[in-house]
Amino acid sequence: MFYISRCWSKLVSPILGMFLAFALMLSVQNVWAFEGSFFTGSDGVPIVPGMEEMPDLGVVFDKPEGRIVEGFASGYLEQSEIRSFYGRTLPQLGWSVFGEGLFQREGEVLKIEILDGVENSRSILRIILAPSQ
Protein backbone atom coordinates (compact mmCIF):
# COMPACT_ATOMS: atom_id res chain seq x y z
CA MET A 1 0.00 0.00 0.00
CA PHE A 2 2.85 2.40 0.86
CA TYR A 3 4.47 1.65 -2.52
CA ILE A 4 1.25 2.50 -4.39
CA SER A 5 0.90 5.77 -2.45
CA ARG A 6 4.48 6.83 -3.31
CA CYS A 7 4.00 5.94 -7.00
CA TRP A 8 0.70 7.77 -7.13
CA SER A 9 2.18 10.96 -5.65
CA LYS A 10 5.11 10.81 -8.10
CA LEU A 11 2.63 10.60 -10.99
CA VAL A 12 0.09 13.17 -9.77
CA SER A 13 2.54 15.93 -8.72
CA PRO A 14 4.03 16.50 -12.20
CA ILE A 15 0.60 16.33 -13.86
CA LEU A 16 -0.86 18.82 -11.38
CA GLY A 17 2.16 21.10 -11.85
CA MET A 18 1.78 21.00 -15.64
CA PHE A 19 -1.94 21.73 -15.34
CA LEU A 20 -1.34 24.75 -13.08
CA ALA A 21 1.43 26.06 -15.37
CA PHE A 22 -0.89 25.72 -18.38
CA ALA A 23 -3.73 27.56 -16.58
CA LEU A 24 -1.36 30.37 -15.59
CA MET A 25 -0.05 30.61 -19.15
CA LEU A 26 -3.60 30.95 -20.52
CA SER A 27 -4.55 33.72 -18.10
CA VAL A 28 -1.32 35.65 -18.78
CA GLN A 29 -1.81 35.17 -22.53
CA ASN A 30 -5.31 36.71 -22.28
CA VAL A 31 -3.94 39.84 -20.60
CA TRP A 32 -0.98 40.10 -22.99
CA ALA A 33 -3.33 39.84 -25.98
CA PHE A 34 -4.53 43.37 -25.22
CA GLU A 35 -1.11 45.00 -25.48
CA GLY A 36 -1.32 47.96 -27.81
CA SER A 37 -5.10 47.92 -27.89
CA PHE A 38 -6.03 50.13 -24.94
CA PHE A 39 -7.97 53.38 -24.97
CA THR A 40 -5.65 56.39 -25.03
CA GLY A 41 -5.04 57.77 -21.55
CA SER A 42 -6.95 54.99 -19.80
CA ASP A 43 -4.02 53.06 -18.29
CA GLY A 44 -5.39 49.68 -19.20
CA VAL A 45 -8.97 49.79 -20.48
CA PRO A 46 -8.81 47.48 -23.51
CA ILE A 47 -10.53 48.11 -26.81
CA VAL A 48 -12.70 45.20 -27.91
CA PRO A 49 -10.98 43.24 -30.69
CA GLY A 50 -12.85 44.09 -33.88
CA MET A 51 -13.35 47.72 -32.90
CA GLU A 52 -11.16 50.72 -33.69
CA GLU A 53 -10.54 53.67 -31.40
CA MET A 54 -11.84 57.02 -32.62
CA PRO A 55 -9.03 59.19 -31.21
CA ASP A 56 -10.41 62.51 -32.47
CA LEU A 57 -13.42 62.13 -30.18
CA GLY A 58 -11.54 61.12 -27.03
CA VAL A 59 -10.78 63.41 -24.10
CA VAL A 60 -8.23 63.02 -21.29
CA PHE A 61 -8.46 65.50 -18.42
CA ASP A 62 -6.42 65.47 -15.20
CA LYS A 63 -7.74 67.22 -12.14
CA PRO A 64 -6.73 67.13 -8.45
CA GLU A 65 -9.37 64.51 -7.58
CA GLY A 66 -8.22 62.21 -10.43
CA ARG A 67 -8.43 61.90 -14.16
CA ILE A 68 -11.40 61.85 -16.47
CA VAL A 69 -11.09 59.89 -19.70
CA GLU A 70 -13.73 59.65 -22.39
CA GLY A 71 -12.99 57.33 -25.27
CA PHE A 72 -14.85 56.08 -28.33
CA ALA A 73 -14.44 53.09 -30.62
CA SER A 74 -16.50 51.74 -33.50
CA GLY A 75 -16.90 48.38 -35.17
CA TYR A 76 -19.31 45.81 -36.55
CA LEU A 77 -20.03 44.06 -33.25
CA GLU A 78 -23.28 43.52 -31.41
CA GLN A 79 -23.96 44.81 -27.91
CA SER A 80 -23.94 41.29 -26.49
CA GLU A 81 -20.45 40.61 -27.90
CA ILE A 82 -19.09 43.85 -26.48
CA ARG A 83 -20.67 43.34 -23.05
CA SER A 84 -19.45 39.75 -22.95
CA PHE A 85 -15.88 40.84 -23.75
CA TYR A 86 -15.81 43.42 -20.95
CA GLY A 87 -17.58 41.10 -18.52
CA ARG A 88 -14.83 38.50 -19.04
CA THR A 89 -11.83 40.78 -19.45
CA LEU A 90 -12.12 43.65 -16.98
CA PRO A 91 -12.22 41.43 -13.85
CA GLN A 92 -8.94 39.86 -15.04
CA LEU A 93 -7.48 43.38 -15.09
CA GLY A 94 -8.58 44.17 -11.52
CA TRP A 95 -11.97 45.78 -12.20
CA SER A 96 -15.01 44.85 -10.07
CA VAL A 97 -18.47 44.77 -11.61
CA PHE A 98 -21.08 46.79 -9.70
CA GLY A 99 -23.82 47.28 -12.28
CA GLU A 100 -24.54 46.77 -15.95
CA GLY A 101 -21.76 48.50 -17.80
CA LEU A 102 -20.27 49.81 -14.53
CA PHE A 103 -16.90 48.76 -13.10
CA GLN A 104 -14.72 50.00 -10.24
CA ARG A 105 -10.98 49.77 -9.54
CA GLU A 106 -8.61 51.64 -7.22
CA GLY A 107 -10.71 54.76 -6.71
CA GLU A 108 -12.00 54.97 -10.30
CA VAL A 109 -15.30 54.13 -11.95
CA LEU A 110 -15.56 52.93 -15.53
CA LYS A 111 -18.83 53.28 -17.42
CA ILE A 112 -19.37 51.51 -20.74
CA GLU A 113 -22.10 52.64 -23.14
CA ILE A 114 -22.93 51.05 -26.50
CA LEU A 115 -24.93 52.55 -29.33
CA ASP A 116 -25.99 50.04 -32.00
CA GLY A 117 -25.72 50.75 -35.71
CA VAL A 118 -25.05 54.47 -35.50
CA GLU A 119 -22.16 55.02 -37.91
CA ASN A 120 -22.86 53.17 -41.20
CA SER A 121 -24.30 50.19 -39.28
CA ARG A 122 -21.27 50.16 -36.97
CA SER A 123 -21.73 50.10 -33.21
CA ILE A 124 -20.22 52.93 -31.20
CA LEU A 125 -18.60 52.14 -27.87
CA ARG A 126 -18.13 54.94 -25.34
CA ILE A 127 -16.11 54.59 -22.16
CA ILE A 128 -16.04 57.11 -19.34
CA LEU A 129 -13.38 56.73 -16.68
CA ALA A 130 -13.67 59.05 -13.66
CA PRO A 131 -12.79 59.26 -9.96
CA SER A 132 -15.23 57.29 -7.81
CA GLN A 133 -15.96 60.18 -5.38
C-alpha atoms as a PDB file:
ATOM      1  CA  MET A   1       0.000   0.000   0.000  1.00  0.00           C
ATOM      2  CA  PHE A   2       2.849   2.397   0.861  1.00  0.00           C
ATOM      3  CA  TYR A   3       4.470   1.650  -2.519  1.00  0.00           C
ATOM      4  CA  ILE A   4       1.252   2.503  -4.392  1.00  0.00           C
ATOM      5  CA  SER A   5       0.896   5.766  -2.454  1.00  0.00           C
ATOM      6  CA  ARG A   6       4.478   6.828  -3.312  1.00  0.00           C
ATOM      7  CA  CYS A   7       4.003   5.941  -7.000  1.00  0.00           C
ATOM      8  CA  TRP A   8       0.695   7.766  -7.128  1.00  0.00           C
ATOM      9  CA  SER A   9       2.177  10.961  -5.649  1.00  0.00           C
ATOM     10  CA  LYS A  10       5.112  10.810  -8.103  1.00  0.00           C
ATOM     11  CA  LEU A  11       2.631  10.604 -10.987  1.00  0.00           C
ATOM     12  CA  VAL A  12       0.091  13.166  -9.772  1.00  0.00           C
ATOM     13  CA  SER A  13       2.540  15.931  -8.724  1.00  0.00           C
ATOM     14  CA  PRO A  14       4.032  16.497 -12.204  1.00  0.00           C
ATOM     15  CA  ILE A  15       0.605  16.327 -13.864  1.00  0.00           C
ATOM     16  CA  LEU A  16      -0.856  18.817 -11.378  1.00  0.00           C
ATOM     17  CA  GLY A  17       2.157  21.105 -11.846  1.00  0.00           C
ATOM     18  CA  MET A  18       1.778  20.998 -15.637  1.00  0.00           C
ATOM     19  CA  PHE A  19      -1.938  21.734 -15.342  1.00  0.00           C
ATOM     20  CA  LEU A  20      -1.339  24.754 -13.075  1.00  0.00           C
ATOM     21  CA  ALA A  21       1.431  26.062 -15.368  1.00  0.00           C
ATOM     22  CA  PHE A  22      -0.892  25.724 -18.376  1.00  0.00           C
ATOM     23  CA  ALA A  23      -3.728  27.556 -16.582  1.00  0.00           C
ATOM     24  CA  LEU A  24      -1.361  30.372 -15.592  1.00  0.00           C
ATOM     25  CA  MET A  25      -0.055  30.610 -19.148  1.00  0.00           C
ATOM     26  CA  LEU A  26      -3.601  30.947 -20.518  1.00  0.00           C
ATOM     27  CA  SER A  27      -4.551  33.720 -18.103  1.00  0.00           C
ATOM     28  CA  VAL A  28      -1.321  35.649 -18.780  1.00  0.00           C
ATOM     29  CA  GLN A  29      -1.809  35.167 -22.530  1.00  0.00           C
ATOM     30  CA  ASN A  30      -5.311  36.708 -22.279  1.00  0.00           C
ATOM     31  CA  VAL A  31      -3.940  39.841 -20.598  1.00  0.00           C
ATOM     32  CA  TRP A  32      -0.980  40.098 -22.995  1.00  0.00           C
ATOM     33  CA  ALA A  33      -3.327  39.845 -25.979  1.00  0.00           C
ATOM     34  CA  PHE A  34      -4.530  43.373 -25.217  1.00  0.00           C
ATOM     35  CA  GLU A  35      -1.105  45.001 -25.477  1.00  0.00           C
ATOM     36  CA  GLY A  36      -1.316  47.964 -27.805  1.00  0.00           C
ATOM     37  CA  SER A  37      -5.104  47.917 -27.891  1.00  0.00           C
ATOM     38  CA  PHE A  38      -6.034  50.129 -24.940  1.00  0.00           C
ATOM     39  CA  PHE A  39      -7.973  53.379 -24.975  1.00  0.00           C
ATOM     40  CA  THR A  40      -5.654  56.389 -25.034  1.00  0.00           C
ATOM     41  CA  GLY A  41      -5.044  57.773 -21.545  1.00  0.00           C
ATOM     42  CA  SER A  42      -6.952  54.992 -19.798  1.00  0.00           C
ATOM     43  CA  ASP A  43      -4.020  53.061 -18.290  1.00  0.00           C
ATOM     44  CA  GLY A  44      -5.389  49.678 -19.202  1.00  0.00           C
ATOM     45  CA  VAL A  45      -8.967  49.788 -20.484  1.00  0.00           C
ATOM     46  CA  PRO A  46      -8.807  47.477 -23.512  1.00  0.00           C
ATOM     47  CA  ILE A  47     -10.529  48.111 -26.811  1.00  0.00           C
ATOM     48  CA  VAL A  48     -12.696  45.200 -27.914  1.00  0.00           C
ATOM     49  CA  PRO A  49     -10.980  43.241 -30.691  1.00  0.00           C
ATOM     50  CA  GLY A  50     -12.845  44.094 -33.880  1.00  0.00           C
ATOM     51  CA  MET A  51     -13.353  47.724 -32.898  1.00  0.00           C
ATOM     52  CA  GLU A  52     -11.158  50.716 -33.691  1.00  0.00           C
ATOM     53  CA  GLU A  53     -10.540  53.673 -31.401  1.00  0.00           C
ATOM     54  CA  MET A  54     -11.843  57.024 -32.624  1.00  0.00           C
ATOM     55  CA  PRO A  55      -9.026  59.186 -31.210  1.00  0.00           C
ATOM     56  CA  ASP A  56     -10.405  62.512 -32.474  1.00  0.00           C
ATOM     57  CA  LEU A  57     -13.424  62.134 -30.175  1.00  0.00           C
ATOM     58  CA  GLY A  58     -11.537  61.119 -27.032  1.00  0.00           C
ATOM     59  CA  VAL A  59     -10.779  63.405 -24.096  1.00  0.00           C
ATOM     60  CA  VAL A  60      -8.234  63.018 -21.291  1.00  0.00           C
ATOM     61  CA  PHE A  61      -8.461  65.504 -18.424  1.00  0.00           C
ATOM     62  CA  ASP A  62      -6.419  65.466 -15.203  1.00  0.00           C
ATOM     63  CA  LYS A  63      -7.741  67.222 -12.139  1.00  0.00           C
ATOM     64  CA  PRO A  64      -6.726  67.130  -8.452  1.00  0.00           C
ATOM     65  CA  GLU A  65      -9.374  64.510  -7.579  1.00  0.00           C
ATOM     66  CA  GLY A  66      -8.222  62.210 -10.425  1.00  0.00           C
ATOM     67  CA  ARG A  67      -8.425  61.902 -14.160  1.00  0.00           C
ATOM     68  CA  ILE A  68     -11.396  61.847 -16.470  1.00  0.00           C
ATOM     69  CA  VAL A  69     -11.094  59.892 -19.699  1.00  0.00           C
ATOM     70  CA  GLU A  70     -13.735  59.653 -22.388  1.00  0.00           C
ATOM     71  CA  GLY A  71     -12.988  57.331 -25.266  1.00  0.00           C
ATOM     72  CA  PHE A  72     -14.847  56.082 -28.326  1.00  0.00           C
ATOM     73  CA  ALA A  73     -14.437  53.086 -30.615  1.00  0.00           C
ATOM     74  CA  SER A  74     -16.502  51.744 -33.501  1.00  0.00           C
ATOM     75  CA  GLY A  75     -16.905  48.379 -35.173  1.00  0.00           C
ATOM     76  CA  TYR A  76     -19.315  45.808 -36.552  1.00  0.00           C
ATOM     77  CA  LEU A  77     -20.031  44.062 -33.246  1.00  0.00           C
ATOM     78  CA  GLU A  78     -23.285  43.523 -31.410  1.00  0.00           C
ATOM     79  CA  GLN A  79     -23.956  44.812 -27.907  1.00  0.00           C
ATOM     80  CA  SER A  80     -23.940  41.292 -26.494  1.00  0.00           C
ATOM     81  CA  GLU A  81     -20.449  40.608 -27.904  1.00  0.00           C
ATOM     82  CA  ILE A  82     -19.087  43.852 -26.478  1.00  0.00           C
ATOM     83  CA  ARG A  83     -20.671  43.341 -23.051  1.00  0.00           C
ATOM     84  CA  SER A  84     -19.452  39.747 -22.949  1.00  0.00           C
ATOM     85  CA  PHE A  85     -15.883  40.840 -23.745  1.00  0.00           C
ATOM     86  CA  TYR A  86     -15.808  43.417 -20.955  1.00  0.00           C
ATOM     87  CA  GLY A  87     -17.581  41.097 -18.516  1.00  0.00           C
ATOM     88  CA  ARG A  88     -14.826  38.500 -19.035  1.00  0.00           C
ATOM     89  CA  THR A  89     -11.831  40.780 -19.453  1.00  0.00           C
ATOM     90  CA  LEU A  90     -12.119  43.647 -16.981  1.00  0.00           C
ATOM     91  CA  PRO A  91     -12.220  41.429 -13.853  1.00  0.00           C
ATOM     92  CA  GLN A  92      -8.943  39.857 -15.041  1.00  0.00           C
ATOM     93  CA  LEU A  93      -7.482  43.377 -15.087  1.00  0.00           C
ATOM     94  CA  GLY A  94      -8.579  44.171 -11.521  1.00  0.00           C
ATOM     95  CA  TRP A  95     -11.970  45.782 -12.202  1.00  0.00           C
ATOM     96  CA  SER A  96     -15.006  44.851 -10.075  1.00  0.00           C
ATOM     97  CA  VAL A  97     -18.472  44.775 -11.612  1.00  0.00           C
ATOM     98  CA  PHE A  98     -21.080  46.792  -9.699  1.00  0.00           C
ATOM     99  CA  GLY A  99     -23.821  47.277 -12.279  1.00  0.00           C
ATOM    100  CA  GLU A 100     -24.545  46.765 -15.953  1.00  0.00           C
ATOM    101  CA  GLY A 101     -21.756  48.504 -17.802  1.00  0.00           C
ATOM    102  CA  LEU A 102     -20.269  49.809 -14.528  1.00  0.00           C
ATOM    103  CA  PHE A 103     -16.896  48.764 -13.103  1.00  0.00           C
ATOM    104  CA  GLN A 104     -14.722  49.996 -10.243  1.00  0.00           C
ATOM    105  CA  ARG A 105     -10.979  49.768  -9.537  1.00  0.00           C
ATOM    106  CA  GLU A 106      -8.609  51.638  -7.222  1.00  0.00           C
ATOM    107  CA  GLY A 107     -10.710  54.762  -6.712  1.00  0.00           C
ATOM    108  CA  GLU A 108     -11.996  54.965 -10.295  1.00  0.00           C
ATOM    109  CA  VAL A 109     -15.295  54.131 -11.946  1.00  0.00           C
ATOM    110  CA  LEU A 110     -15.564  52.932 -15.532  1.00  0.00           C
ATOM    111  CA  LYS A 111     -18.834  53.283 -17.424  1.00  0.00           C
ATOM    112  CA  ILE A 112     -19.367  51.513 -20.745  1.00  0.00           C
ATOM    113  CA  GLU A 113     -22.104  52.639 -23.143  1.00  0.00           C
ATOM    114  CA  ILE A 114     -22.926  51.052 -26.496  1.00  0.00           C
ATOM    115  CA  LEU A 115     -24.932  52.551 -29.333  1.00  0.00           C
ATOM    116  CA  ASP A 116     -25.991  50.045 -31.999  1.00  0.00           C
ATOM    117  CA  GLY A 117     -25.724  50.751 -35.712  1.00  0.00           C
ATOM    118  CA  VAL A 118     -25.046  54.467 -35.498  1.00  0.00           C
ATOM    119  CA  GLU A 119     -22.158  55.022 -37.914  1.00  0.00           C
ATOM    120  CA  ASN A 120     -22.864  53.172 -41.201  1.00  0.00           C
ATOM    121  CA  SER A 121     -24.304  50.191 -39.284  1.00  0.00           C
ATOM    122  CA  ARG A 122     -21.268  50.156 -36.966  1.00  0.00           C
ATOM    123  CA  SER A 123     -21.734  50.104 -33.212  1.00  0.00           C
ATOM    124  CA  ILE A 124     -20.218  52.932 -31.204  1.00  0.00           C
ATOM    125  CA  LEU A 125     -18.601  52.143 -27.867  1.00  0.00           C
ATOM    126  CA  ARG A 126     -18.130  54.944 -25.342  1.00  0.00           C
ATOM    127  CA  ILE A 127     -16.107  54.586 -22.157  1.00  0.00           C
ATOM    128  CA  ILE A 128     -16.043  57.109 -19.341  1.00  0.00           C
ATOM    129  CA  LEU A 129     -13.376  56.732 -16.682  1.00  0.00           C
ATOM    130  CA  ALA A 130     -13.669  59.049 -13.662  1.00  0.00           C
ATOM    131  CA  PRO A 131     -12.794  59.257  -9.965  1.00  0.00           C
ATOM    132  CA  SER A 132     -15.229  57.288  -7.814  1.00  0.00           C
ATOM    133  CA  GLN A 133     -15.955  60.177  -5.379  1.00  0.00           C
END
